Each structure stands twice: as structure tokens, then as C-alpha cells.
Amino acid sequence: MVPKYRSPNSLSGQVLAASPKLLDPNFRESLIYMAEHDAEGSFGLILNRPTGKTLGEMVSVDMPKAVANLPLYLGGPVSPKNVLVAVFEKGLSQTCIACRITTANEELAKIVGKKNTWVRAFAGYSGWGQGQLAGELKEESWRICPPTAALFDEQNLGGIWRVYAHDSERWERLLPFVPDDPSRN
């Protein structure tokens, strides 16, 4: 869960994009939403690894159909047999997306499909012990990026890592010049 107050040094609420040189199969070409990050360690969820299964196929608990049909993603290599559900909600800015972990099926059924809110089920999670992530960042294994709604569009999953992992600064400079209606360009 993203705390109400975030330390300036915290990566909570940010996305880690695996560097192209990161070859670890657990994280190769992954995008990880950092749900928690502090001096004691870090907790994140891989957003771009669908398993091809649904939550209902993996959990034998009675749940509303909307919840049972949630696609299941591989959240990371830690505890892959444990399933958790995360609710992501867009904040006031385009790059502010908060995350909270929940198990309340009735609440989830009301949230699924709500505008600017995304519900995802994950098998496992990504975790780092004290100082471990700092070392990987120093080695440039990860690029820190702001989250956007595009991360939750399942049609983008195939190529979105490349957008986040590579320097897009040259394209970002052109954004102010894109017309409101490109078809009239």
C-alpha cells in the first residue's frame, strides 16, 4: 500500500523498468509497480506478466463472477503459490497511481471496471531486503519511471516494457507540439 506521506527517497508509487542488460529471467523485460519501499526493504508487483489464467481458476473460494474472472499475473518470484489482489487507483495527476492490497471480494466486485481504477490478481510478488534494491539501482539494473494508465491496458502488455525501459526523453520534448486532434494534422 502506498503511504499517505512518502519519503522523498521512497520509490513507493513508482515503476521500475528492468534495464535491457538485466538478464535475470525472474525480472527480464519486467515492469514492477513499487507498492512499498523504505529503509527496511521493498515490495512490488510485476505488471506485464500475464499467466493466461484467471483468479477463479487459481483460488477455490466462492467469489463474485467479476472477481473470479480477473486475469492472474505473475507478481514476482517470491511466494508464487500465494495469490493476492491489488487495487490501483489513479490520483489527481497522470503519473499518480496508488495501490492497495485487499481481499474483500464484495468490495472488489463493485470496483472492477470502475473508471481510473484497475484490479489485478497476482501470483507471488517481488521483494528486496534492506539495501538490496539500492545496490541494483546503483548497478543501473532498473530505470525509475512514473506510472501511467497505459500500464493497465492489456492491449499494451506486449510492447510497453520497451517504452519504459528506453530513454524516451527525445520524444517527450515533442509532446507539446502534438495537436489536440492528430487527424486534422
N, C-alpha and C. Protein backbone atom coordinates (compact mmCIF):
# COMPACT_ATOMS: atom_id res chain seq x y z
N MET A 1 0.84 -1.17 0.00
CA MET A 1 0.00 0.00 0.00
C MET A 1 0.88 1.24 0.00
N VAL A 2 0.48 2.23 -0.72
CA VAL A 2 1.24 3.46 -0.78
C VAL A 2 0.86 4.31 0.42
N PRO A 3 1.85 4.70 1.22
CA PRO A 3 1.53 5.51 2.39
C PRO A 3 1.02 6.89 1.99
N LYS A 4 0.25 7.52 2.88
CA LYS A 4 -0.28 8.86 2.61
C LYS A 4 0.89 9.85 2.46
N TYR A 5 1.91 9.68 3.29
CA TYR A 5 3.10 10.52 3.17
C TYR A 5 4.23 9.64 2.69
N ARG A 6 4.91 10.07 1.68
CA ARG A 6 6.01 9.28 1.13
C ARG A 6 7.30 10.04 1.30
N SER A 7 8.29 9.39 1.83
CA SER A 7 9.61 9.99 1.98
C SER A 7 10.14 10.35 0.60
N PRO A 8 10.88 11.46 0.49
CA PRO A 8 11.43 11.82 -0.82
C PRO A 8 12.34 10.73 -1.40
N ASN A 9 12.88 9.88 -0.55
CA ASN A 9 13.77 8.81 -1.01
C ASN A 9 13.03 7.52 -1.33
N SER A 10 11.74 7.50 -1.10
CA SER A 10 10.95 6.29 -1.31
C SER A 10 10.57 6.14 -2.78
N LEU A 11 10.55 4.91 -3.22
CA LEU A 11 10.11 4.59 -4.58
C LEU A 11 8.67 4.12 -4.61
N SER A 12 7.99 4.16 -3.46
CA SER A 12 6.58 3.75 -3.41
C SER A 12 5.79 4.56 -4.43
N GLY A 13 4.98 3.86 -5.21
CA GLY A 13 4.16 4.52 -6.21
C GLY A 13 4.86 4.73 -7.54
N GLN A 14 6.11 4.32 -7.66
CA GLN A 14 6.85 4.43 -8.91
C GLN A 14 6.91 3.07 -9.60
N VAL A 15 7.41 3.06 -10.81
CA VAL A 15 7.56 1.83 -11.58
C VAL A 15 9.05 1.61 -11.85
N LEU A 16 9.48 0.39 -11.65
CA LEU A 16 10.84 0.01 -12.03
C LEU A 16 10.77 -0.72 -13.36
N ALA A 17 11.51 -0.22 -14.33
CA ALA A 17 11.61 -0.88 -15.63
C ALA A 17 12.95 -1.58 -15.68
N ALA A 18 12.94 -2.88 -15.92
CA ALA A 18 14.18 -3.65 -15.98
C ALA A 18 15.05 -3.11 -17.11
N SER A 19 16.31 -2.93 -16.81
CA SER A 19 17.27 -2.49 -17.82
C SER A 19 17.40 -3.58 -18.88
N PRO A 20 17.64 -3.20 -20.14
CA PRO A 20 17.85 -4.23 -21.17
C PRO A 20 19.01 -5.17 -20.84
N LYS A 21 19.94 -4.70 -20.01
CA LYS A 21 21.08 -5.56 -19.66
C LYS A 21 20.79 -6.48 -18.47
N LEU A 22 19.61 -6.34 -17.84
CA LEU A 22 19.22 -7.22 -16.73
C LEU A 22 18.72 -8.53 -17.32
N LEU A 23 19.49 -9.59 -17.16
CA LEU A 23 19.17 -10.87 -17.80
C LEU A 23 18.54 -11.88 -16.86
N ASP A 24 18.40 -11.55 -15.59
CA ASP A 24 17.76 -12.45 -14.63
C ASP A 24 16.38 -12.83 -15.17
N PRO A 25 16.09 -14.11 -15.42
CA PRO A 25 14.81 -14.49 -16.01
C PRO A 25 13.60 -14.11 -15.15
N ASN A 26 13.80 -13.93 -13.86
CA ASN A 26 12.70 -13.51 -12.99
C ASN A 26 12.24 -12.09 -13.30
N PHE A 27 13.15 -11.28 -13.81
CA PHE A 27 12.83 -9.87 -14.00
C PHE A 27 13.10 -9.34 -15.40
N ARG A 28 13.59 -10.18 -16.30
CA ARG A 28 13.90 -9.74 -17.66
C ARG A 28 12.66 -9.10 -18.30
N GLU A 29 12.84 -7.89 -18.82
CA GLU A 29 11.79 -7.13 -19.51
C GLU A 29 10.54 -6.93 -18.64
N SER A 30 10.75 -6.75 -17.35
CA SER A 30 9.61 -6.57 -16.46
C SER A 30 9.41 -5.11 -16.06
N LEU A 31 8.16 -4.81 -15.72
CA LEU A 31 7.77 -3.51 -15.18
C LEU A 31 7.16 -3.78 -13.82
N ILE A 32 7.75 -3.21 -12.79
CA ILE A 32 7.32 -3.51 -11.42
C ILE A 32 6.78 -2.25 -10.76
N TYR A 33 5.53 -2.33 -10.32
CA TYR A 33 4.94 -1.24 -9.53
C TYR A 33 5.45 -1.42 -8.10
N MET A 34 6.06 -0.38 -7.56
CA MET A 34 6.60 -0.43 -6.21
C MET A 34 5.51 -0.03 -5.21
N ALA A 35 4.93 -1.03 -4.55
CA ALA A 35 3.86 -0.79 -3.59
C ALA A 35 4.41 -0.27 -2.27
N GLU A 36 5.57 -0.75 -1.88
CA GLU A 36 6.21 -0.29 -0.64
C GLU A 36 7.71 -0.22 -0.85
N HIS A 37 8.31 0.82 -0.28
CA HIS A 37 9.76 0.96 -0.33
C HIS A 37 10.20 1.85 0.81
N ASP A 38 11.01 1.29 1.69
CA ASP A 38 11.57 2.08 2.78
C ASP A 38 12.94 1.51 3.14
N ALA A 39 13.53 1.97 4.21
CA ALA A 39 14.88 1.56 4.60
C ALA A 39 14.98 0.07 4.91
N GLU A 40 13.87 -0.55 5.27
CA GLU A 40 13.89 -1.97 5.65
C GLU A 40 13.74 -2.92 4.47
N GLY A 41 13.23 -2.44 3.35
CA GLY A 41 13.07 -3.30 2.19
C GLY A 41 12.03 -2.78 1.24
N SER A 42 11.70 -3.60 0.24
CA SER A 42 10.79 -3.17 -0.82
C SER A 42 9.86 -4.31 -1.22
N PHE A 43 8.66 -3.92 -1.69
CA PHE A 43 7.64 -4.87 -2.13
C PHE A 43 7.04 -4.32 -3.41
N GLY A 44 7.03 -5.14 -4.47
CA GLY A 44 6.48 -4.69 -5.74
C GLY A 44 5.77 -5.82 -6.46
N LEU A 45 5.08 -5.44 -7.55
CA LEU A 45 4.30 -6.39 -8.34
C LEU A 45 4.62 -6.20 -9.82
N ILE A 46 4.98 -7.28 -10.49
CA ILE A 46 5.25 -7.22 -11.93
C ILE A 46 3.92 -7.03 -12.65
N LEU A 47 3.83 -6.00 -13.45
CA LEU A 47 2.57 -5.65 -14.12
C LEU A 47 2.41 -6.26 -15.51
N ASN A 48 3.50 -6.71 -16.11
CA ASN A 48 3.41 -7.14 -17.51
C ASN A 48 3.72 -8.63 -17.72
N ARG A 49 3.31 -9.47 -16.77
CA ARG A 49 3.49 -10.91 -16.92
C ARG A 49 2.18 -11.67 -16.70
N PRO A 50 1.27 -11.64 -17.66
CA PRO A 50 0.02 -12.41 -17.50
C PRO A 50 0.31 -13.91 -17.53
N THR A 51 -0.43 -14.67 -16.75
CA THR A 51 -0.24 -16.12 -16.71
C THR A 51 -1.17 -16.85 -17.68
N GLY A 52 -2.18 -16.14 -18.20
CA GLY A 52 -3.16 -16.79 -19.06
C GLY A 52 -4.26 -17.49 -18.27
N LYS A 53 -4.25 -17.32 -16.95
CA LYS A 53 -5.28 -17.90 -16.09
C LYS A 53 -6.06 -16.79 -15.40
N THR A 54 -7.16 -17.16 -14.78
CA THR A 54 -7.95 -16.19 -14.02
C THR A 54 -7.82 -16.49 -12.53
N LEU A 55 -8.22 -15.53 -11.73
CA LEU A 55 -8.19 -15.71 -10.28
C LEU A 55 -9.05 -16.90 -9.88
N GLY A 56 -10.23 -17.04 -10.48
CA GLY A 56 -11.14 -18.14 -10.16
C GLY A 56 -10.55 -19.51 -10.45
N GLU A 57 -9.66 -19.60 -11.44
CA GLU A 57 -9.00 -20.87 -11.75
C GLU A 57 -7.96 -21.24 -10.70
N MET A 58 -7.44 -20.26 -10.01
CA MET A 58 -6.36 -20.50 -9.06
C MET A 58 -6.81 -20.58 -7.60
N VAL A 59 -7.94 -19.98 -7.29
CA VAL A 59 -8.40 -19.92 -5.90
C VAL A 59 -9.76 -20.59 -5.82
N SER A 60 -9.90 -21.53 -4.91
CA SER A 60 -11.17 -22.25 -4.80
C SER A 60 -12.04 -21.67 -3.67
N VAL A 61 -12.24 -20.36 -3.73
CA VAL A 61 -13.09 -19.67 -2.76
C VAL A 61 -14.28 -19.11 -3.53
N ASP A 62 -15.44 -19.16 -2.92
CA ASP A 62 -16.62 -18.60 -3.57
C ASP A 62 -16.45 -17.09 -3.69
N MET A 63 -16.60 -16.57 -4.91
CA MET A 63 -16.42 -15.14 -5.14
C MET A 63 -17.32 -14.69 -6.28
N PRO A 64 -17.64 -13.40 -6.30
CA PRO A 64 -18.45 -12.87 -7.41
C PRO A 64 -17.76 -13.14 -8.75
N LYS A 65 -18.56 -13.32 -9.80
CA LYS A 65 -18.04 -13.66 -11.13
C LYS A 65 -17.02 -12.62 -11.63
N ALA A 66 -17.30 -11.33 -11.40
CA ALA A 66 -16.39 -10.28 -11.85
C ALA A 66 -15.01 -10.43 -11.22
N VAL A 67 -14.97 -10.89 -9.99
CA VAL A 67 -13.69 -11.10 -9.29
C VAL A 67 -13.04 -12.39 -9.79
N ALA A 68 -13.81 -13.44 -9.94
CA ALA A 68 -13.29 -14.73 -10.41
C ALA A 68 -12.68 -14.61 -11.81
N ASN A 69 -13.19 -13.70 -12.62
CA ASN A 69 -12.70 -13.53 -13.99
C ASN A 69 -11.49 -12.61 -14.11
N LEU A 70 -10.99 -12.10 -12.99
CA LEU A 70 -9.80 -11.23 -13.06
C LEU A 70 -8.62 -12.02 -13.62
N PRO A 71 -7.90 -11.44 -14.59
CA PRO A 71 -6.71 -12.13 -15.09
C PRO A 71 -5.66 -12.22 -13.99
N LEU A 72 -4.93 -13.33 -13.98
CA LEU A 72 -3.89 -13.55 -12.99
C LEU A 72 -2.54 -13.23 -13.61
N TYR A 73 -1.75 -12.43 -12.90
CA TYR A 73 -0.41 -12.06 -13.34
C TYR A 73 0.62 -12.67 -12.41
N LEU A 74 1.83 -12.89 -12.92
CA LEU A 74 2.92 -13.32 -12.07
C LEU A 74 3.50 -12.06 -11.43
N GLY A 75 3.30 -11.92 -10.13
CA GLY A 75 3.73 -10.71 -9.42
C GLY A 75 5.22 -10.69 -9.13
N GLY A 76 5.83 -11.85 -9.15
CA GLY A 76 7.26 -11.95 -8.89
C GLY A 76 7.63 -13.32 -8.39
N PRO A 77 8.93 -13.50 -8.16
CA PRO A 77 9.41 -14.84 -7.80
C PRO A 77 9.20 -15.22 -6.33
N VAL A 78 8.80 -14.29 -5.47
CA VAL A 78 8.62 -14.59 -4.06
C VAL A 78 7.20 -15.14 -3.83
N SER A 79 7.09 -16.28 -3.19
CA SER A 79 5.81 -16.92 -2.85
C SER A 79 4.85 -17.02 -4.05
N PRO A 80 5.27 -17.63 -5.16
CA PRO A 80 4.41 -17.68 -6.35
C PRO A 80 3.14 -18.52 -6.18
N LYS A 81 3.04 -19.30 -5.12
CA LYS A 81 1.81 -20.08 -4.89
C LYS A 81 0.78 -19.29 -4.10
N ASN A 82 1.19 -18.15 -3.56
CA ASN A 82 0.26 -17.28 -2.83
C ASN A 82 -0.33 -16.26 -3.79
N VAL A 83 -1.63 -16.06 -3.71
CA VAL A 83 -2.31 -15.13 -4.60
C VAL A 83 -2.77 -13.92 -3.80
N LEU A 84 -2.56 -12.74 -4.37
CA LEU A 84 -3.05 -11.52 -3.74
C LEU A 84 -3.71 -10.65 -4.79
N VAL A 85 -4.58 -9.77 -4.33
CA VAL A 85 -5.31 -8.88 -5.24
C VAL A 85 -4.95 -7.45 -4.89
N ALA A 86 -4.66 -6.67 -5.91
CA ALA A 86 -4.29 -5.26 -5.72
C ALA A 86 -5.27 -4.37 -6.47
N VAL A 87 -5.59 -3.26 -5.84
CA VAL A 87 -6.44 -2.24 -6.47
C VAL A 87 -5.54 -1.05 -6.74
N PHE A 88 -5.49 -0.62 -7.99
CA PHE A 88 -4.71 0.54 -8.40
C PHE A 88 -5.68 1.66 -8.73
N GLU A 89 -5.45 2.84 -8.17
CA GLU A 89 -6.35 3.97 -8.40
C GLU A 89 -5.56 5.19 -8.84
N LYS A 90 -6.04 5.80 -9.92
CA LYS A 90 -5.40 7.00 -10.45
C LYS A 90 -5.65 8.16 -9.49
N GLY A 91 -4.62 8.93 -9.25
CA GLY A 91 -4.74 10.10 -8.40
C GLY A 91 -5.06 11.34 -9.21
N LEU A 92 -4.71 12.50 -8.68
CA LEU A 92 -5.03 13.76 -9.32
C LEU A 92 -4.20 14.03 -10.57
N SER A 93 -2.98 13.52 -10.61
CA SER A 93 -2.14 13.75 -11.79
C SER A 93 -2.08 12.48 -12.63
N GLN A 94 -1.60 12.62 -13.86
CA GLN A 94 -1.48 11.48 -14.78
C GLN A 94 -0.49 10.43 -14.27
N THR A 95 0.48 10.85 -13.44
CA THR A 95 1.52 9.93 -13.00
C THR A 95 1.39 9.58 -11.52
N CYS A 96 0.22 9.70 -10.97
CA CYS A 96 -0.02 9.33 -9.58
C CYS A 96 -1.03 8.19 -9.57
N ILE A 97 -0.53 6.99 -9.29
CA ILE A 97 -1.39 5.82 -9.20
C ILE A 97 -1.06 5.13 -7.88
N ALA A 98 -2.05 5.03 -7.01
CA ALA A 98 -1.87 4.41 -5.71
C ALA A 98 -2.27 2.93 -5.78
N CYS A 99 -1.73 2.15 -4.86
CA CYS A 99 -2.00 0.72 -4.82
C CYS A 99 -2.37 0.32 -3.40
N ARG A 100 -3.37 -0.56 -3.30
CA ARG A 100 -3.67 -1.16 -2.01
C ARG A 100 -4.00 -2.63 -2.23
N ILE A 101 -3.55 -3.44 -1.31
CA ILE A 101 -3.79 -4.87 -1.36
C ILE A 101 -5.07 -5.15 -0.58
N THR A 102 -5.94 -5.99 -1.13
CA THR A 102 -7.22 -6.25 -0.47
C THR A 102 -7.65 -7.70 -0.68
N THR A 103 -8.59 -8.15 0.13
CA THR A 103 -9.16 -9.48 -0.02
C THR A 103 -10.68 -9.45 0.02
N ALA A 104 -11.26 -8.28 0.17
CA ALA A 104 -12.72 -8.16 0.31
C ALA A 104 -13.39 -8.35 -1.05
N ASN A 105 -13.89 -9.57 -1.31
CA ASN A 105 -14.48 -9.89 -2.61
C ASN A 105 -15.67 -9.01 -2.97
N GLU A 106 -16.51 -8.70 -2.01
CA GLU A 106 -17.68 -7.87 -2.30
C GLU A 106 -17.25 -6.46 -2.72
N GLU A 107 -16.25 -5.93 -2.03
CA GLU A 107 -15.73 -4.61 -2.39
C GLU A 107 -15.13 -4.65 -3.79
N LEU A 108 -14.37 -5.70 -4.08
CA LEU A 108 -13.74 -5.84 -5.39
C LEU A 108 -14.76 -5.89 -6.52
N ALA A 109 -15.85 -6.60 -6.30
CA ALA A 109 -16.88 -6.72 -7.33
C ALA A 109 -17.45 -5.35 -7.70
N LYS A 110 -17.50 -4.42 -6.74
CA LYS A 110 -18.00 -3.08 -7.01
C LYS A 110 -16.97 -2.22 -7.73
N ILE A 111 -15.71 -2.55 -7.56
CA ILE A 111 -14.62 -1.75 -8.12
C ILE A 111 -14.25 -2.17 -9.54
N VAL A 112 -14.33 -3.47 -9.84
CA VAL A 112 -13.93 -3.98 -11.16
C VAL A 112 -14.67 -3.20 -12.25
N GLY A 113 -13.91 -2.64 -13.17
CA GLY A 113 -14.48 -1.89 -14.29
C GLY A 113 -14.72 -0.41 -14.01
N LYS A 114 -14.48 0.03 -12.80
CA LYS A 114 -14.66 1.44 -12.44
C LYS A 114 -13.60 2.29 -13.15
N LYS A 115 -14.00 3.47 -13.62
CA LYS A 115 -13.09 4.35 -14.34
C LYS A 115 -11.90 4.76 -13.45
N ASN A 116 -10.72 4.78 -14.05
CA ASN A 116 -9.48 5.17 -13.38
C ASN A 116 -9.12 4.28 -12.20
N THR A 117 -9.65 3.06 -12.20
CA THR A 117 -9.33 2.07 -11.17
C THR A 117 -9.11 0.73 -11.86
N TRP A 118 -8.08 0.04 -11.44
CA TRP A 118 -7.76 -1.25 -12.04
C TRP A 118 -7.55 -2.26 -10.93
N VAL A 119 -8.12 -3.44 -11.11
CA VAL A 119 -7.97 -4.52 -10.14
C VAL A 119 -7.21 -5.64 -10.81
N ARG A 120 -6.16 -6.09 -10.15
CA ARG A 120 -5.34 -7.17 -10.70
C ARG A 120 -5.08 -8.22 -9.63
N ALA A 121 -5.05 -9.47 -10.06
CA ALA A 121 -4.69 -10.59 -9.18
C ALA A 121 -3.25 -11.00 -9.53
N PHE A 122 -2.48 -11.34 -8.51
CA PHE A 122 -1.07 -11.69 -8.70
C PHE A 122 -0.73 -12.98 -7.97
N ALA A 123 0.05 -13.81 -8.65
CA ALA A 123 0.65 -14.98 -8.02
C ALA A 123 2.06 -14.56 -7.62
N GLY A 124 2.30 -14.45 -6.33
CA GLY A 124 3.61 -14.04 -5.85
C GLY A 124 3.82 -12.54 -5.93
N TYR A 125 5.01 -12.14 -5.53
CA TYR A 125 5.38 -10.73 -5.54
C TYR A 125 6.89 -10.60 -5.69
N SER A 126 7.35 -9.39 -5.84
CA SER A 126 8.78 -9.09 -5.94
C SER A 126 9.19 -8.41 -4.65
N GLY A 127 10.28 -8.85 -4.08
CA GLY A 127 10.72 -8.28 -2.82
C GLY A 127 12.23 -8.14 -2.75
N TRP A 128 12.67 -7.14 -2.01
CA TRP A 128 14.08 -6.88 -1.80
C TRP A 128 14.31 -6.63 -0.32
N GLY A 129 15.39 -7.15 0.20
CA GLY A 129 15.77 -6.89 1.58
C GLY A 129 16.45 -5.55 1.71
N GLN A 130 16.78 -5.20 2.93
CA GLN A 130 17.42 -3.91 3.23
C GLN A 130 18.67 -3.71 2.37
N GLY A 131 18.69 -2.62 1.62
CA GLY A 131 19.85 -2.24 0.81
C GLY A 131 19.99 -2.98 -0.51
N GLN A 132 19.25 -4.05 -0.71
CA GLN A 132 19.40 -4.85 -1.92
C GLN A 132 18.99 -4.07 -3.18
N LEU A 133 17.85 -3.42 -3.14
CA LEU A 133 17.39 -2.65 -4.30
C LEU A 133 18.31 -1.47 -4.57
N ALA A 134 18.78 -0.84 -3.52
CA ALA A 134 19.71 0.29 -3.70
C ALA A 134 20.94 -0.15 -4.48
N GLY A 135 21.44 -1.35 -4.19
CA GLY A 135 22.58 -1.88 -4.92
C GLY A 135 22.26 -2.13 -6.38
N GLU A 136 21.08 -2.65 -6.66
CA GLU A 136 20.67 -2.91 -8.04
C GLU A 136 20.47 -1.60 -8.81
N LEU A 137 19.97 -0.58 -8.12
CA LEU A 137 19.82 0.72 -8.77
C LEU A 137 21.18 1.33 -9.09
N LYS A 138 22.12 1.15 -8.18
CA LYS A 138 23.48 1.66 -8.40
C LYS A 138 24.13 0.98 -9.60
N GLU A 139 23.79 -0.31 -9.80
CA GLU A 139 24.31 -1.07 -10.95
C GLU A 139 23.55 -0.75 -12.24
N GLU A 140 22.55 0.13 -12.15
CA GLU A 140 21.71 0.51 -13.28
C GLU A 140 20.93 -0.67 -13.86
N SER A 141 20.49 -1.56 -12.96
CA SER A 141 19.66 -2.69 -13.38
C SER A 141 18.21 -2.27 -13.62
N TRP A 142 17.83 -1.11 -13.07
CA TRP A 142 16.45 -0.62 -13.15
C TRP A 142 16.42 0.84 -13.54
N ARG A 143 15.37 1.20 -14.24
CA ARG A 143 15.10 2.59 -14.55
C ARG A 143 13.84 2.97 -13.76
N ILE A 144 13.87 4.06 -13.03
CA ILE A 144 12.73 4.51 -12.24
C ILE A 144 11.85 5.39 -13.13
N CYS A 145 10.56 5.04 -13.19
CA CYS A 145 9.62 5.73 -14.08
C CYS A 145 8.33 6.03 -13.32
N PRO A 146 7.65 7.10 -13.73
CA PRO A 146 6.33 7.34 -13.14
C PRO A 146 5.31 6.38 -13.76
N PRO A 147 4.31 5.97 -12.99
CA PRO A 147 3.29 5.09 -13.55
C PRO A 147 2.30 5.87 -14.41
N THR A 148 1.70 5.19 -15.36
CA THR A 148 0.63 5.79 -16.17
C THR A 148 -0.46 4.75 -16.37
N ALA A 149 -1.63 5.19 -16.77
CA ALA A 149 -2.76 4.30 -17.00
C ALA A 149 -2.45 3.28 -18.10
N ALA A 150 -1.54 3.60 -19.01
CA ALA A 150 -1.19 2.67 -20.09
C ALA A 150 -0.68 1.33 -19.56
N LEU A 151 -0.14 1.32 -18.35
CA LEU A 151 0.35 0.08 -17.75
C LEU A 151 -0.76 -0.94 -17.51
N PHE A 152 -1.98 -0.46 -17.42
CA PHE A 152 -3.10 -1.33 -17.07
C PHE A 152 -3.97 -1.69 -18.27
N ASP A 153 -3.57 -1.26 -19.45
CA ASP A 153 -4.28 -1.60 -20.68
C ASP A 153 -3.68 -2.90 -21.20
N GLU A 154 -4.46 -3.96 -21.14
CA GLU A 154 -3.94 -5.28 -21.51
C GLU A 154 -3.47 -5.36 -22.96
N GLN A 155 -3.95 -4.47 -23.81
CA GLN A 155 -3.51 -4.45 -25.21
C GLN A 155 -2.07 -3.96 -25.33
N ASN A 156 -1.57 -3.25 -24.31
CA ASN A 156 -0.22 -2.72 -24.34
C ASN A 156 0.84 -3.68 -23.81
N LEU A 157 0.43 -4.77 -23.21
CA LEU A 157 1.38 -5.63 -22.50
C LEU A 157 2.55 -6.11 -23.35
N GLY A 158 2.31 -6.37 -24.60
CA GLY A 158 3.37 -6.90 -25.46
C GLY A 158 4.54 -5.97 -25.69
N GLY A 159 4.32 -4.68 -25.73
CA GLY A 159 5.41 -3.77 -26.06
C GLY A 159 5.66 -2.65 -25.07
N ILE A 160 4.93 -2.63 -23.99
CA ILE A 160 5.05 -1.48 -23.10
C ILE A 160 6.39 -1.43 -22.35
N TRP A 161 7.01 -2.58 -22.13
CA TRP A 161 8.31 -2.57 -21.45
C TRP A 161 9.31 -1.71 -22.22
N ARG A 162 9.33 -1.84 -23.54
CA ARG A 162 10.28 -1.08 -24.35
C ARG A 162 10.09 0.43 -24.16
N VAL A 163 8.86 0.85 -24.04
CA VAL A 163 8.58 2.28 -23.85
C VAL A 163 9.17 2.76 -22.53
N TYR A 164 9.01 1.97 -21.49
CA TYR A 164 9.50 2.36 -20.18
C TYR A 164 11.01 2.16 -20.02
N ALA A 165 11.55 1.11 -20.61
CA ALA A 165 12.96 0.77 -20.39
C ALA A 165 13.93 1.65 -21.16
N HIS A 166 13.48 2.21 -22.25
CA HIS A 166 14.38 3.02 -23.07
C HIS A 166 14.13 4.49 -22.83
N ASP A 167 15.13 5.25 -23.01
CA ASP A 167 15.04 6.69 -22.77
C ASP A 167 14.09 7.33 -23.77
N SER A 168 13.01 7.87 -23.25
CA SER A 168 12.02 8.48 -24.12
C SER A 168 12.11 10.00 -24.11
N GLU A 169 13.16 10.52 -23.52
CA GLU A 169 13.30 11.97 -23.35
C GLU A 169 13.18 12.73 -24.69
N ARG A 170 13.76 12.19 -25.74
CA ARG A 170 13.70 12.91 -27.02
C ARG A 170 12.28 13.02 -27.54
N TRP A 171 11.43 12.02 -27.27
CA TRP A 171 10.04 12.07 -27.70
C TRP A 171 9.21 12.97 -26.80
N GLU A 172 9.52 12.97 -25.51
CA GLU A 172 8.77 13.78 -24.57
C GLU A 172 8.89 15.27 -24.89
N ARG A 173 10.00 15.69 -25.47
CA ARG A 173 10.18 17.09 -25.83
C ARG A 173 9.22 17.51 -26.95
N LEU A 174 8.75 16.54 -27.73
CA LEU A 174 7.84 16.84 -28.84
C LEU A 174 6.37 16.88 -28.43
N LEU A 175 6.03 16.35 -27.27
CA LEU A 175 4.63 16.27 -26.84
C LEU A 175 3.88 17.60 -26.86
N PRO A 176 4.48 18.72 -26.46
CA PRO A 176 3.72 19.97 -26.50
C PRO A 176 3.29 20.39 -27.91
N PHE A 177 3.92 19.81 -28.93
CA PHE A 177 3.63 20.19 -30.31
C PHE A 177 2.63 19.25 -31.00
N VAL A 178 2.20 18.20 -30.29
CA VAL A 178 1.21 17.28 -30.85
C VAL A 178 -0.15 17.97 -30.82
N PRO A 179 -0.85 18.02 -31.97
CA PRO A 179 -2.15 18.69 -31.99
C PRO A 179 -3.19 17.94 -31.17
N ASP A 180 -4.20 18.66 -30.69
CA ASP A 180 -5.27 18.03 -29.92
C ASP A 180 -5.97 16.95 -30.73
N ASP A 181 -6.13 17.19 -32.00
CA ASP A 181 -6.77 16.22 -32.88
C ASP A 181 -5.78 15.88 -34.01
N PRO A 182 -4.95 14.82 -33.82
CA PRO A 182 -3.92 14.48 -34.81
C PRO A 182 -4.49 14.21 -36.20
N SER A 183 -5.76 13.82 -36.30
CA SER A 183 -6.34 13.54 -37.62
C SER A 183 -6.46 14.80 -38.46
N ARG A 184 -6.40 15.95 -37.82
CA ARG A 184 -6.50 17.23 -38.55
C ARG A 184 -5.11 17.81 -38.86
N ASN A 185 -4.11 17.02 -38.61
CA ASN A 185 -2.73 17.46 -38.82
C ASN A 185 -2.39 17.51 -40.29
